[in-house]
Amino acid sequence: MGSVHARHYRDNGRVDRLLVATPVEQEQKIARERFGAEVFSDYRSMIQQGQPQAVSICTPNFDHYEIASWLMQEAPGIAILIEKPLGVNDQQVAKLTKLAAGHQSPILVGHSLRFAGAYIKGRELLRQNAIGKPCYLEARYKWFKDFSKFPAWKRDPELSGGGFLMQSGLHMLDLFVWYADSPVVEVTGHAEDLYFKDFPVEDTFFGTVRFANGVAAHLVGSSATKGFIDYGIEVYGERGAIKVESVAVPGGLDIDNHSVSLFTEESAYSPSGALVIPSAPKSDFWKDEINHFVSCVLDGTAPIVTPADAKIVMDVCFALYKSAALGGKTIRL
């Protein structure tokens, strides 16, 4: 993700300097040669000597809290983009959210699907009452990812915060919270080791989330699913349904290729309803995220995802893990 951020900062015409802090020599070489960056071995020295106006935190999960909390206390004038997750446990998330409330500059949390055109369009259709009142959401994240090739920290629950749910399922939980637009009241979760049985983090997670407005949401997610990628969200309402999907390509997702479909019973073309394919902008959501952050810094644009927003998603995540640890017991929030 550091390379992704660096590329889009470099390509943004409003950014005049790029600084990179990393203790890894190979990464320092890439930063210099590929991105023309000024390089530092430590983030504190980068801040103190380089005096940047904004910072992206693209480190392993376990470093997010230390770096973000230091910046919020020692560099109140610097804008911050924090890659998800906000922290690896509920104490870290609570402390960062509290610190962020007093920070003088914008803070954006990188929930990238909020910048993807089809996902934005799907939510707009829901808000425009295209399918009436929603009652059921389902998110799918089935994508084989080889845990044996992950860096060791990703397989350590203390350092990563968890397995599939923390590292991939957060995208789907964020979609639930964003689309349902209602407080979460209870969750149930089940964590499984279906394929990668030698590691202490789950490769599969099934979760149910219930909202105060009566909407129920179900997550089906796994890194144990070889052969196909199934990635997206479905919304079912009183008068129809919305489906948003991301297109798979060899090795992963086509970043700027997502589709949105609308089924509506209220159709001028057919008394039995019609399937409509609304147009949605296609663009790299990571690029759009960086451009939005630059606008937050330079134009005063309000961040789309604040730490307070991200805390809601993290609270749901931690509650699901608690439910799973208790054998699927319902946890009320």
C-alpha atoms as a PDB file:
ATOM      1  CA  MET A   1       0.000   0.000   0.000  1.00  0.00           C
ATOM      2  CA  GLY A   2       2.931   2.336   0.526  1.00  0.00           C
ATOM      3  CA  SER A   3       3.794   2.011  -3.159  1.00  0.00           C
ATOM      4  CA  VAL A   4       0.157   2.588  -4.123  1.00  0.00           C
ATOM      5  CA  HIS A   5       0.000   5.787  -2.088  1.00  0.00           C
ATOM      6  CA  ALA A   6       3.388   6.968  -3.351  1.00  0.00           C
ATOM      7  CA  ARG A   7       2.375   6.452  -6.996  1.00  0.00           C
ATOM      8  CA  HIS A   8      -0.801   8.470  -6.669  1.00  0.00           C
ATOM      9  CA  TYR A   9       0.850  11.258  -4.680  1.00  0.00           C
ATOM     10  CA  ARG A  10       3.525  11.443  -7.369  1.00  0.00           C
ATOM     11  CA  ASP A  11       0.881  11.652 -10.085  1.00  0.00           C
ATOM     12  CA  ASN A  12      -1.214  14.273  -8.291  1.00  0.00           C
ATOM     13  CA  GLY A  13      -0.289  17.644  -9.744  1.00  0.00           C
ATOM     14  CA  ARG A  14      -0.890  19.423  -6.439  1.00  0.00           C
ATOM     15  CA  VAL A  15       1.794  17.480  -4.526  1.00  0.00           C
ATOM     16  CA  ASP A  16       5.226  19.054  -4.874  1.00  0.00           C
ATOM     17  CA  ARG A  17       7.333  16.832  -2.576  1.00  0.00           C
ATOM     18  CA  LEU A  18       7.233  13.149  -1.700  1.00  0.00           C
ATOM     19  CA  LEU A  19       8.940  11.847   1.425  1.00  0.00           C
ATOM     20  CA  VAL A  20       9.116   8.184   2.457  1.00  0.00           C
ATOM     21  CA  ALA A  21      10.089   6.746   5.830  1.00  0.00           C
ATOM     22  CA  THR A  22      11.001   3.069   6.006  1.00  0.00           C
ATOM     23  CA  PRO A  23      13.765   1.131   7.765  1.00  0.00           C
ATOM     24  CA  VAL A  24      13.855  -1.444   4.924  1.00  0.00           C
ATOM     25  CA  GLU A  25      16.723  -0.770   2.496  1.00  0.00           C
ATOM     26  CA  GLN A  26      14.993  -2.321  -0.516  1.00  0.00           C
ATOM     27  CA  GLU A  27      11.956  -0.132   0.079  1.00  0.00           C
ATOM     28  CA  GLN A  28      14.212   2.907   0.389  1.00  0.00           C
ATOM     29  CA  LYS A  29      15.719   2.065  -3.014  1.00  0.00           C
ATOM     30  CA  ILE A  30      12.274   1.708  -4.593  1.00  0.00           C
ATOM     31  CA  ALA A  31      11.172   5.012  -3.066  1.00  0.00           C
ATOM     32  CA  ARG A  32      14.151   6.833  -4.550  1.00  0.00           C
ATOM     33  CA  GLU A  33      14.315   5.186  -7.963  1.00  0.00           C
ATOM     34  CA  ARG A  34      10.638   4.630  -8.757  1.00  0.00           C
ATOM     35  CA  PHE A  35       9.041   7.613  -7.060  1.00  0.00           C
ATOM     36  CA  GLY A  36      11.833  10.172  -6.736  1.00  0.00           C
ATOM     37  CA  ALA A  37      11.199  10.448  -3.007  1.00  0.00           C
ATOM     38  CA  GLU A  38      13.325  11.888  -0.238  1.00  0.00           C
ATOM     39  CA  VAL A  39      14.015   8.909   2.035  1.00  0.00           C
ATOM     40  CA  PHE A  40      14.253   8.608   5.819  1.00  0.00           C
ATOM     41  CA  SER A  41      14.812   5.518   7.939  1.00  0.00           C
ATOM     42  CA  ASP A  42      12.466   6.652  10.734  1.00  0.00           C
ATOM     43  CA  TYR A  43       9.112   8.420  10.627  1.00  0.00           C
ATOM     44  CA  ARG A  44       9.983  10.786  13.472  1.00  0.00           C
ATOM     45  CA  SER A  45      13.031  12.107  11.636  1.00  0.00           C
ATOM     46  CA  MET A  46      10.960  12.434   8.456  1.00  0.00           C
ATOM     47  CA  ILE A  47       8.446  14.624  10.294  1.00  0.00           C
ATOM     48  CA  GLN A  48      11.002  16.699  12.149  1.00  0.00           C
ATOM     49  CA  GLN A  49      13.445  17.204   9.267  1.00  0.00           C
ATOM     50  CA  GLY A  50      11.201  16.985   6.228  1.00  0.00           C
ATOM     51  CA  GLN A  51       8.234  18.889   7.729  1.00  0.00           C
ATOM     52  CA  PRO A  52       5.544  17.438   5.454  1.00  0.00           C
ATOM     53  CA  GLN A  53       2.052  18.890   5.366  1.00  0.00           C
ATOM     54  CA  ALA A  54       0.373  15.464   5.267  1.00  0.00           C
ATOM     55  CA  VAL A  55       1.247  11.837   6.023  1.00  0.00           C
ATOM     56  CA  SER A  56      -0.017   8.419   4.950  1.00  0.00           C
ATOM     57  CA  ILE A  57       0.405   5.545   7.406  1.00  0.00           C
ATOM     58  CA  CYS A  58       0.885   2.405   5.276  1.00  0.00           C
ATOM     59  CA  THR A  59       2.752   0.269   7.796  1.00  0.00           C
ATOM     60  CA  PRO A  60       1.829  -3.190   9.161  1.00  0.00           C
ATOM     61  CA  ASN A  61      -1.305  -3.177  11.341  1.00  0.00           C
ATOM     62  CA  PHE A  62       0.558  -3.283  14.647  1.00  0.00           C
ATOM     63  CA  ASP A  63       2.325   0.021  13.932  1.00  0.00           C
ATOM     64  CA  HIS A  64      -0.774   2.070  13.107  1.00  0.00           C
ATOM     65  CA  TYR A  65      -1.521   2.992  16.702  1.00  0.00           C
ATOM     66  CA  GLU A  66       2.019   3.997  17.672  1.00  0.00           C
ATOM     67  CA  ILE A  67       2.592   6.187  14.626  1.00  0.00           C
ATOM     68  CA  ALA A  68      -0.869   7.763  14.554  1.00  0.00           C
ATOM     69  CA  SER A  69      -0.917   8.530  18.272  1.00  0.00           C
ATOM     70  CA  TRP A  70       2.553  10.101  18.071  1.00  0.00           C
ATOM     71  CA  LEU A  71       1.506  12.273  15.122  1.00  0.00           C
ATOM     72  CA  MET A  72      -1.715  13.368  16.817  1.00  0.00           C
ATOM     73  CA  GLN A  73       0.179  14.450  19.930  1.00  0.00           C
ATOM     74  CA  GLU A  74       3.447  15.742  18.481  1.00  0.00           C
ATOM     75  CA  ALA A  75       2.405  17.090  15.087  1.00  0.00           C
ATOM     76  CA  PRO A  76      -1.106  18.584  15.391  1.00  0.00           C
ATOM     77  CA  GLY A  77      -0.717  20.575  12.176  1.00  0.00           C
ATOM     78  CA  ILE A  78      -0.141  17.520   9.959  1.00  0.00           C
ATOM     79  CA  ALA A  79      -3.038  15.877   8.087  1.00  0.00           C
ATOM     80  CA  ILE A  80      -3.128  12.081   8.400  1.00  0.00           C
ATOM     81  CA  LEU A  81      -4.367   9.263   6.182  1.00  0.00           C
ATOM     82  CA  ILE A  82      -4.446   5.988   8.140  1.00  0.00           C
ATOM     83  CA  GLU A  83      -4.790   2.743   6.234  1.00  0.00           C
ATOM     84  CA  LYS A  84      -7.282   0.352   7.808  1.00  0.00           C
ATOM     85  CA  PRO A  85      -7.442  -0.971  10.464  1.00  0.00           C
ATOM     86  CA  LEU A  86      -7.470   1.964  12.850  1.00  0.00           C
ATOM     87  CA  GLY A  87      -5.943  -0.322  15.508  1.00  0.00           C
ATOM     88  CA  VAL A  88      -5.538  -4.000  16.368  1.00  0.00           C
ATOM     89  CA  ASN A  89      -7.664  -3.964  19.533  1.00  0.00           C
ATOM     90  CA  ASP A  90     -10.513  -1.956  21.002  1.00  0.00           C
ATOM     91  CA  GLN A  91      -8.279  -0.047  23.437  1.00  0.00           C
ATOM     92  CA  GLN A  92      -6.108   1.277  20.609  1.00  0.00           C
ATOM     93  CA  VAL A  93      -9.126   2.275  18.554  1.00  0.00           C
ATOM     94  CA  ALA A  94     -10.789   4.068  21.476  1.00  0.00           C
ATOM     95  CA  LYS A  95      -7.610   6.002  22.313  1.00  0.00           C
ATOM     96  CA  LEU A  96      -6.948   7.013  18.701  1.00  0.00           C
ATOM     97  CA  THR A  97     -10.529   8.153  18.208  1.00  0.00           C
ATOM     98  CA  LYS A  98     -10.288  10.312  21.316  1.00  0.00           C
ATOM     99  CA  LEU A  99      -6.963  11.799  20.202  1.00  0.00           C
ATOM    100  CA  ALA A 100      -8.312  12.398  16.699  1.00  0.00           C
ATOM    101  CA  ALA A 101     -11.204  14.452  18.053  1.00  0.00           C
ATOM    102  CA  GLY A 102      -8.693  17.050  19.237  1.00  0.00           C
ATOM    103  CA  HIS A 103      -6.399  16.981  16.198  1.00  0.00           C
ATOM    104  CA  GLN A 104      -6.141  20.294  14.361  1.00  0.00           C
ATOM    105  CA  SER A 105      -5.814  18.881  10.837  1.00  0.00           C
ATOM    106  CA  PRO A 106      -7.886  16.453   8.709  1.00  0.00           C
ATOM    107  CA  ILE A 107      -7.713  12.725   9.410  1.00  0.00           C
ATOM    108  CA  LEU A 108      -8.942  10.231   6.812  1.00  0.00           C
ATOM    109  CA  VAL A 109      -9.190   6.461   7.354  1.00  0.00           C
ATOM    110  CA  GLY A 110      -8.585   4.400   4.216  1.00  0.00           C
ATOM    111  CA  HIS A 111     -11.774   2.407   3.653  1.00  0.00           C
ATOM    112  CA  SER A 112     -11.179   2.340  -0.081  1.00  0.00           C
ATOM    113  CA  LEU A 113     -14.521   1.005  -1.382  1.00  0.00           C
ATOM    114  CA  ARG A 114     -16.161   4.274  -0.345  1.00  0.00           C
ATOM    115  CA  PHE A 115     -14.289   5.764  -3.300  1.00  0.00           C
ATOM    116  CA  ALA A 116     -15.329   3.115  -5.871  1.00  0.00           C
ATOM    117  CA  GLY A 117     -17.860   4.440  -8.380  1.00  0.00           C
ATOM    118  CA  ALA A 118     -20.201   1.413  -8.468  1.00  0.00           C
ATOM    119  CA  TYR A 119     -20.343   1.150  -4.682  1.00  0.00           C
ATOM    120  CA  ILE A 120     -21.068   4.863  -4.446  1.00  0.00           C
ATOM    121  CA  LYS A 121     -23.809   4.471  -7.081  1.00  0.00           C
ATOM    122  CA  GLY A 122     -25.340   1.513  -5.247  1.00  0.00           C
ATOM    123  CA  ARG A 123     -25.637   3.550  -2.068  1.00  0.00           C
ATOM    124  CA  GLU A 124     -27.062   6.520  -3.995  1.00  0.00           C
ATOM    125  CA  LEU A 125     -29.788   4.278  -5.461  1.00  0.00           C
ATOM    126  CA  LEU A 126     -30.617   3.064  -1.975  1.00  0.00           C
ATOM    127  CA  ARG A 127     -30.816   6.650  -0.685  1.00  0.00           C
ATOM    128  CA  GLN A 128     -33.001   7.616  -3.653  1.00  0.00           C
ATOM    129  CA  ASN A 129     -35.542   4.985  -2.541  1.00  0.00           C
ATOM    130  CA  ALA A 130     -35.048   2.965  -5.744  1.00  0.00           C
ATOM    131  CA  ILE A 131     -35.946  -0.304  -3.977  1.00  0.00           C
ATOM    132  CA  GLY A 132     -37.963   1.026  -1.063  1.00  0.00           C
ATOM    133  CA  LYS A 133     -37.016   0.292   2.512  1.00  0.00           C
ATOM    134  CA  PRO A 134     -34.074  -2.154   2.719  1.00  0.00           C
ATOM    135  CA  CYS A 135     -34.449  -5.275   4.824  1.00  0.00           C
ATOM    136  CA  TYR A 136     -31.470  -7.536   4.040  1.00  0.00           C
ATOM    137  CA  LEU A 137     -27.845  -7.015   3.010  1.00  0.00           C
ATOM    138  CA  GLU A 138     -25.403  -9.704   1.987  1.00  0.00           C
ATOM    139  CA  ALA A 139     -21.699  -9.193   1.375  1.00  0.00           C
ATOM    140  CA  ARG A 140     -19.399 -11.723  -0.258  1.00  0.00           C
ATOM    141  CA  TYR A 141     -15.617 -11.746  -0.091  1.00  0.00           C
ATOM    142  CA  LYS A 142     -14.362 -15.074  -1.407  1.00  0.00           C
ATOM    143  CA  TRP A 143     -10.811 -14.750  -2.644  1.00  0.00           C
ATOM    144  CA  PHE A 144      -8.006 -17.267  -2.119  1.00  0.00           C
ATOM    145  CA  LYS A 145      -5.044 -15.684  -0.379  1.00  0.00           C
ATOM    146  CA  ASP A 146      -2.149 -17.937   0.581  1.00  0.00           C
ATOM    147  CA  PHE A 147      -1.520 -17.455   4.300  1.00  0.00           C
ATOM    148  CA  SER A 148       1.734 -19.414   4.032  1.00  0.00           C
ATOM    149  CA  LYS A 149       3.160 -16.621   1.863  1.00  0.00           C
ATOM    150  CA  PHE A 150       2.047 -13.820   4.158  1.00  0.00           C
ATOM    151  CA  PRO A 151       4.618 -11.968   6.269  1.00  0.00           C
ATOM    152  CA  ALA A 152       4.786 -13.461   9.768  1.00  0.00           C
ATOM    153  CA  TRP A 153       2.996 -10.518  11.413  1.00  0.00           C
ATOM    154  CA  LYS A 154      -0.164 -11.174   9.363  1.00  0.00           C
ATOM    155  CA  ARG A 155      -0.360 -14.668  10.853  1.00  0.00           C
ATOM    156  CA  ASP A 156       0.045 -13.404  14.427  1.00  0.00           C
ATOM    157  CA  PRO A 157      -3.287 -12.270  15.938  1.00  0.00           C
ATOM    158  CA  GLU A 158      -1.523  -9.981  18.426  1.00  0.00           C
ATOM    159  CA  LEU A 159       0.215  -8.105  15.620  1.00  0.00           C
ATOM    160  CA  SER A 160      -2.440  -8.233  12.908  1.00  0.00           C
ATOM    161  CA  GLY A 161      -5.567  -8.073  15.059  1.00  0.00           C
ATOM    162  CA  GLY A 162      -6.953 -11.214  13.424  1.00  0.00           C
ATOM    163  CA  GLY A 163      -7.212 -13.178  10.214  1.00  0.00           C
ATOM    164  CA  PHE A 164      -9.719 -12.909   7.381  1.00  0.00           C
ATOM    165  CA  LEU A 165     -12.185 -10.633   9.148  1.00  0.00           C
ATOM    166  CA  MET A 166      -9.598  -8.057  10.219  1.00  0.00           C
ATOM    167  CA  GLN A 167      -7.520  -8.152   7.059  1.00  0.00           C
ATOM    168  CA  SER A 168     -10.195  -8.446   4.376  1.00  0.00           C
ATOM    169  CA  GLY A 169     -13.651  -8.606   5.920  1.00  0.00           C
ATOM    170  CA  LEU A 170     -13.403  -5.031   7.193  1.00  0.00           C
ATOM    171  CA  HIS A 171     -14.220  -3.889   3.655  1.00  0.00           C
ATOM    172  CA  MET A 172     -17.552  -5.684   3.853  1.00  0.00           C
ATOM    173  CA  LEU A 173     -18.320  -4.522   7.400  1.00  0.00           C
ATOM    174  CA  ASP A 174     -17.701  -0.955   6.276  1.00  0.00           C
ATOM    175  CA  LEU A 175     -20.128  -1.452   3.385  1.00  0.00           C
ATOM    176  CA  PHE A 176     -22.753  -2.749   5.836  1.00  0.00           C
ATOM    177  CA  VAL A 177     -22.410   0.280   8.102  1.00  0.00           C
ATOM    178  CA  TRP A 178     -22.291   2.691   5.161  1.00  0.00           C
ATOM    179  CA  TYR A 179     -25.301   1.221   3.355  1.00  0.00           C
ATOM    180  CA  ALA A 180     -27.533   0.467   6.367  1.00  0.00           C
ATOM    181  CA  ASP A 181     -26.900   3.936   7.866  1.00  0.00           C
ATOM    182  CA  SER A 182     -28.237   2.855  11.263  1.00  0.00           C
ATOM    183  CA  PRO A 183     -26.670   1.932  14.616  1.00  0.00           C
ATOM    184  CA  VAL A 184     -25.624  -1.696  15.018  1.00  0.00           C
ATOM    185  CA  VAL A 185     -27.520  -3.413  17.834  1.00  0.00           C
ATOM    186  CA  GLU A 186     -26.203  -6.983  17.810  1.00  0.00           C
ATOM    187  CA  VAL A 187     -23.874  -9.391  16.018  1.00  0.00           C
ATOM    188  CA  THR A 188     -23.096 -13.094  15.843  1.00  0.00           C
ATOM    189  CA  GLY A 189     -19.921 -14.523  14.372  1.00  0.00           C
ATOM    190  CA  HIS A 190     -18.237 -17.803  13.482  1.00  0.00           C
ATOM    191  CA  ALA A 191     -14.529 -18.069  12.689  1.00  0.00           C
ATOM    192  CA  GLU A 192     -13.183 -21.127  10.876  1.00  0.00           C
ATOM    193  CA  ASP A 193      -9.840 -22.629   9.879  1.00  0.00           C
ATOM    194  CA  LEU A 194     -10.951 -24.528   6.790  1.00  0.00           C
ATOM    195  CA  TYR A 195      -7.783 -24.577   4.705  1.00  0.00           C
ATOM    196  CA  PHE A 196      -4.861 -22.979   6.556  1.00  0.00           C
ATOM    197  CA  LYS A 197      -5.096 -25.039   9.719  1.00  0.00           C
ATOM    198  CA  ASP A 198      -1.517 -24.428  10.902  1.00  0.00           C
ATOM    199  CA  PHE A 199      -1.945 -20.731  11.634  1.00  0.00           C
ATOM    200  CA  PRO A 200      -3.603 -19.090  14.673  1.00  0.00           C
ATOM    201  CA  VAL A 201      -5.745 -16.710  12.589  1.00  0.00           C
ATOM    202  CA  GLU A 202      -8.977 -17.635  10.814  1.00  0.00           C
ATOM    203  CA  ASP A 203      -9.152 -18.058   7.040  1.00  0.00           C
ATOM    204  CA  THR A 204     -12.974 -17.937   6.930  1.00  0.00           C
ATOM    205  CA  PHE A 205     -15.603 -15.915   8.757  1.00  0.00           C
ATOM    206  CA  PHE A 206     -19.404 -15.941   8.750  1.00  0.00           C
ATOM    207  CA  GLY A 207     -21.103 -13.035  10.474  1.00  0.00           C
ATOM    208  CA  THR A 208     -24.555 -11.590  11.012  1.00  0.00           C
ATOM    209  CA  VAL A 209     -25.070  -7.931  11.864  1.00  0.00           C
ATOM    210  CA  ARG A 210     -28.425  -6.451  12.932  1.00  0.00           C
ATOM    211  CA  PHE A 211     -29.214  -2.744  12.821  1.00  0.00           C
ATOM    212  CA  ALA A 212     -31.585  -0.563  14.824  1.00  0.00           C
ATOM    213  CA  ASN A 213     -33.706   0.126  11.704  1.00  0.00           C
ATOM    214  CA  GLY A 214     -34.500  -3.591  11.380  1.00  0.00           C
ATOM    215  CA  VAL A 215     -32.031  -4.366   8.592  1.00  0.00           C
ATOM    216  CA  ALA A 216     -30.151  -7.672   8.877  1.00  0.00           C
ATOM    217  CA  ALA A 217     -26.804  -8.199   7.150  1.00  0.00           C
ATOM    218  CA  HIS A 218     -24.847 -11.368   6.504  1.00  0.00           C
ATOM    219  CA  LEU A 219     -21.160 -11.699   5.648  1.00  0.00           C
ATOM    220  CA  VAL A 220     -19.756 -14.717   3.831  1.00  0.00           C
ATOM    221  CA  GLY A 221     -16.000 -14.387   3.649  1.00  0.00           C
ATOM    222  CA  SER A 222     -13.089 -16.712   3.059  1.00  0.00           C
ATOM    223  CA  SER A 223      -9.472 -16.844   1.949  1.00  0.00           C
ATOM    224  CA  ALA A 224      -9.799 -20.624   1.479  1.00  0.00           C
ATOM    225  CA  THR A 225     -11.712 -20.451  -1.802  1.00  0.00           C
ATOM    226  CA  LYS A 226      -9.475 -21.488  -4.693  1.00  0.00           C
ATOM    227  CA  GLY A 227     -10.528 -20.971  -8.268  1.00  0.00           C
ATOM    228  CA  PHE A 228     -12.924 -18.024  -8.249  1.00  0.00           C
ATOM    229  CA  ILE A 229     -13.250 -14.568  -6.741  1.00  0.00           C
ATOM    230  CA  ASP A 230     -16.691 -13.479  -5.553  1.00  0.00           C
ATOM    231  CA  TYR A 231     -16.652  -9.932  -4.208  1.00  0.00           C
ATOM    232  CA  GLY A 232     -19.522  -7.520  -3.688  1.00  0.00           C
ATOM    233  CA  ILE A 233     -22.721  -6.604  -1.879  1.00  0.00           C
ATOM    234  CA  GLU A 234     -26.428  -7.232  -2.439  1.00  0.00           C
ATOM    235  CA  VAL A 235     -29.236  -5.119  -0.985  1.00  0.00           C
ATOM    236  CA  TYR A 236     -32.825  -6.367  -0.894  1.00  0.00           C
ATOM    237  CA  GLY A 237     -35.719  -3.990  -0.299  1.00  0.00           C
ATOM    238  CA  GLU A 238     -39.491  -3.779  -0.385  1.00  0.00           C
ATOM    239  CA  ARG A 239     -39.637  -3.120  -4.141  1.00  0.00           C
ATOM    240  CA  GLY A 240     -36.462  -4.551  -5.599  1.00  0.00           C
ATOM    241  CA  ALA A 241     -32.768  -5.188  -5.155  1.00  0.00           C
ATOM    242  CA  ILE A 242     -29.353  -3.658  -5.806  1.00  0.00           C
ATOM    243  CA  LYS A 243     -26.227  -5.681  -6.551  1.00  0.00           C
ATOM    244  CA  VAL A 244     -22.707  -4.276  -6.727  1.00  0.00           C
ATOM    245  CA  GLU A 245     -19.870  -6.525  -7.868  1.00  0.00           C
ATOM    246  CA  SER A 246     -16.159  -6.192  -8.469  1.00  0.00           C
ATOM    247  CA  VAL A 247     -14.689  -7.908 -11.518  1.00  0.00           C
ATOM    248  CA  ALA A 248     -11.975 -10.500 -10.933  1.00  0.00           C
ATOM    249  CA  VAL A 249      -8.856 -10.773 -13.054  1.00  0.00           C
ATOM    250  CA  PRO A 250      -5.926 -13.222 -12.682  1.00  0.00           C
ATOM    251  CA  GLY A 251      -4.227 -12.378  -9.417  1.00  0.00           C
ATOM    252  CA  GLY A 252      -6.995 -10.289  -7.896  1.00  0.00           C
ATOM    253  CA  LEU A 253      -9.526  -7.594  -8.703  1.00  0.00           C
ATOM    254  CA  ASP A 254      -9.689  -5.195 -11.614  1.00  0.00           C
ATOM    255  CA  ILE A 255      -9.362  -2.069  -9.487  1.00  0.00           C
ATOM    256  CA  ASP A 256     -11.422   0.249 -11.671  1.00  0.00           C
ATOM    257  CA  ASN A 257     -13.948  -2.294 -12.974  1.00  0.00           C
ATOM    258  CA  HIS A 258     -17.063  -2.684 -10.832  1.00  0.00           C
ATOM    259  CA  SER A 259     -20.705  -3.024 -11.834  1.00  0.00           C
ATOM    260  CA  VAL A 260     -24.013  -2.066 -10.285  1.00  0.00           C
ATOM    261  CA  SER A 261     -27.357  -3.680 -11.143  1.00  0.00           C
ATOM    262  CA  LEU A 262     -30.838  -2.622 -10.098  1.00  0.00           C
ATOM    263  CA  PHE A 263     -33.967  -4.783 -10.122  1.00  0.00           C
ATOM    264  CA  THR A 264     -37.115  -2.795  -9.604  1.00  0.00           C
ATOM    265  CA  GLU A 265     -40.783  -3.788  -9.558  1.00  0.00           C
ATOM    266  CA  GLU A 266     -41.739  -0.218 -10.462  1.00  0.00           C
ATOM    267  CA  SER A 267     -40.917  -0.405 -14.146  1.00  0.00           C
ATOM    268  CA  ALA A 268     -42.478   1.410 -17.086  1.00  0.00           C
ATOM    269  CA  TYR A 269     -41.236  -1.393 -19.328  1.00  0.00           C
ATOM    270  CA  SER A 270     -42.677  -4.457 -17.642  1.00  0.00           C
ATOM    271  CA  PRO A 271     -45.460  -5.092 -15.109  1.00  0.00           C
ATOM    272  CA  SER A 272     -43.341  -7.850 -13.587  1.00  0.00           C
ATOM    273  CA  GLY A 273     -40.371  -5.580 -12.996  1.00  0.00           C
ATOM    274  CA  ALA A 274     -37.154  -4.909 -14.853  1.00  0.00           C
ATOM    275  CA  LEU A 275     -33.410  -5.219 -14.506  1.00  0.00           C
ATOM    276  CA  VAL A 276     -31.593  -1.939 -15.008  1.00  0.00           C
ATOM    277  CA  ILE A 277     -27.843  -1.411 -15.338  1.00  0.00           C
ATOM    278  CA  PRO A 278     -27.204   2.164 -14.138  1.00  0.00           C
ATOM    279  CA  SER A 279     -24.057   3.871 -15.287  1.00  0.00           C
ATOM    280  CA  ALA A 280     -21.317   4.308 -12.698  1.00  0.00           C
ATOM    281  CA  PRO A 281     -17.970   6.059 -13.085  1.00  0.00           C
ATOM    282  CA  LYS A 282     -14.966   3.780 -13.529  1.00  0.00           C
ATOM    283  CA  SER A 283     -11.793   4.959 -11.879  1.00  0.00           C
ATOM    284  CA  ASP A 284      -9.054   3.683  -9.608  1.00  0.00           C
ATOM    285  CA  PHE A 285     -10.523   3.991  -6.104  1.00  0.00           C
ATOM    286  CA  TRP A 286      -7.073   4.239  -4.520  1.00  0.00           C
ATOM    287  CA  LYS A 287      -6.259   7.167  -6.808  1.00  0.00           C
ATOM    288  CA  ASP A 288      -9.569   8.800  -5.916  1.00  0.00           C
ATOM    289  CA  GLU A 289      -8.881   8.244  -2.219  1.00  0.00           C
ATOM    290  CA  ILE A 290      -5.506   9.988  -2.438  1.00  0.00           C
ATOM    291  CA  ASN A 291      -6.948  12.835  -4.496  1.00  0.00           C
ATOM    292  CA  HIS A 292      -9.712  13.259  -1.921  1.00  0.00           C
ATOM    293  CA  PHE A 293      -7.151  13.373   0.880  1.00  0.00           C
ATOM    294  CA  VAL A 294      -5.133  16.023  -0.961  1.00  0.00           C
ATOM    295  CA  SER A 295      -8.343  18.041  -1.303  1.00  0.00           C
ATOM    296  CA  CYS A 296      -8.966  17.660   2.436  1.00  0.00           C
ATOM    297  CA  VAL A 297      -5.500  19.087   3.090  1.00  0.00           C
ATOM    298  CA  LEU A 298      -5.488  21.925   0.569  1.00  0.00           C
ATOM    299  CA  ASP A 299      -9.167  22.827   0.145  1.00  0.00           C
ATOM    300  CA  GLY A 300     -10.657  22.085   3.538  1.00  0.00           C
ATOM    301  CA  THR A 301     -12.844  19.270   2.164  1.00  0.00           C
ATOM    302  CA  ALA A 302     -14.360  17.161   4.962  1.00  0.00           C
ATOM    303  CA  PRO A 303     -12.887  13.628   5.091  1.00  0.00           C
ATOM    304  CA  ILE A 304     -15.329  10.999   3.829  1.00  0.00           C
ATOM    305  CA  VAL A 305     -14.257   8.483   6.503  1.00  0.00           C
ATOM    306  CA  THR A 306     -13.252   9.925   9.874  1.00  0.00           C
ATOM    307  CA  PRO A 307     -11.775   8.009  12.812  1.00  0.00           C
ATOM    308  CA  ALA A 308     -15.213   8.192  14.473  1.00  0.00           C
ATOM    309  CA  ASP A 309     -16.709   6.510  11.377  1.00  0.00           C
ATOM    310  CA  ALA A 310     -13.981   3.881  11.357  1.00  0.00           C
ATOM    311  CA  LYS A 311     -14.484   3.199  15.072  1.00  0.00           C
ATOM    312  CA  ILE A 312     -18.053   2.078  14.370  1.00  0.00           C
ATOM    313  CA  VAL A 313     -16.742  -0.510  11.910  1.00  0.00           C
ATOM    314  CA  MET A 314     -13.972  -1.609  14.284  1.00  0.00           C
ATOM    315  CA  ASP A 315     -16.445  -2.010  17.160  1.00  0.00           C
ATOM    316  CA  VAL A 316     -18.513  -4.338  14.971  1.00  0.00           C
ATOM    317  CA  CYS A 317     -15.371  -6.284  14.046  1.00  0.00           C
ATOM    318  CA  PHE A 318     -14.279  -6.746  17.651  1.00  0.00           C
ATOM    319  CA  ALA A 319     -17.804  -7.748  18.678  1.00  0.00           C
ATOM    320  CA  LEU A 320     -17.877 -10.384  15.927  1.00  0.00           C
ATOM    321  CA  TYR A 321     -14.560 -11.793  17.139  1.00  0.00           C
ATOM    322  CA  LYS A 322     -15.925 -11.879  20.689  1.00  0.00           C
ATOM    323  CA  SER A 323     -19.013 -13.730  19.490  1.00  0.00           C
ATOM    324  CA  ALA A 324     -16.893 -16.259  17.609  1.00  0.00           C
ATOM    325  CA  ALA A 325     -14.701 -16.843  20.678  1.00  0.00           C
ATOM    326  CA  LEU A 326     -17.872 -17.587  22.650  1.00  0.00           C
ATOM    327  CA  GLY A 327     -19.103 -20.149  20.137  1.00  0.00           C
ATOM    328  CA  GLY A 328     -21.397 -17.846  18.191  1.00  0.00           C
ATOM    329  CA  LYS A 329     -23.074 -16.175  21.143  1.00  0.00           C
ATOM    330  CA  THR A 330     -25.067 -13.063  20.236  1.00  0.00           C
ATOM    331  CA  ILE A 331     -23.264  -9.894  21.343  1.00  0.00           C
ATOM    332  CA  ARG A 332     -25.226  -6.702  21.861  1.00  0.00           C
ATOM    333  CA  LEU A 333     -23.584  -3.353  21.174  1.00  0.00           C
END
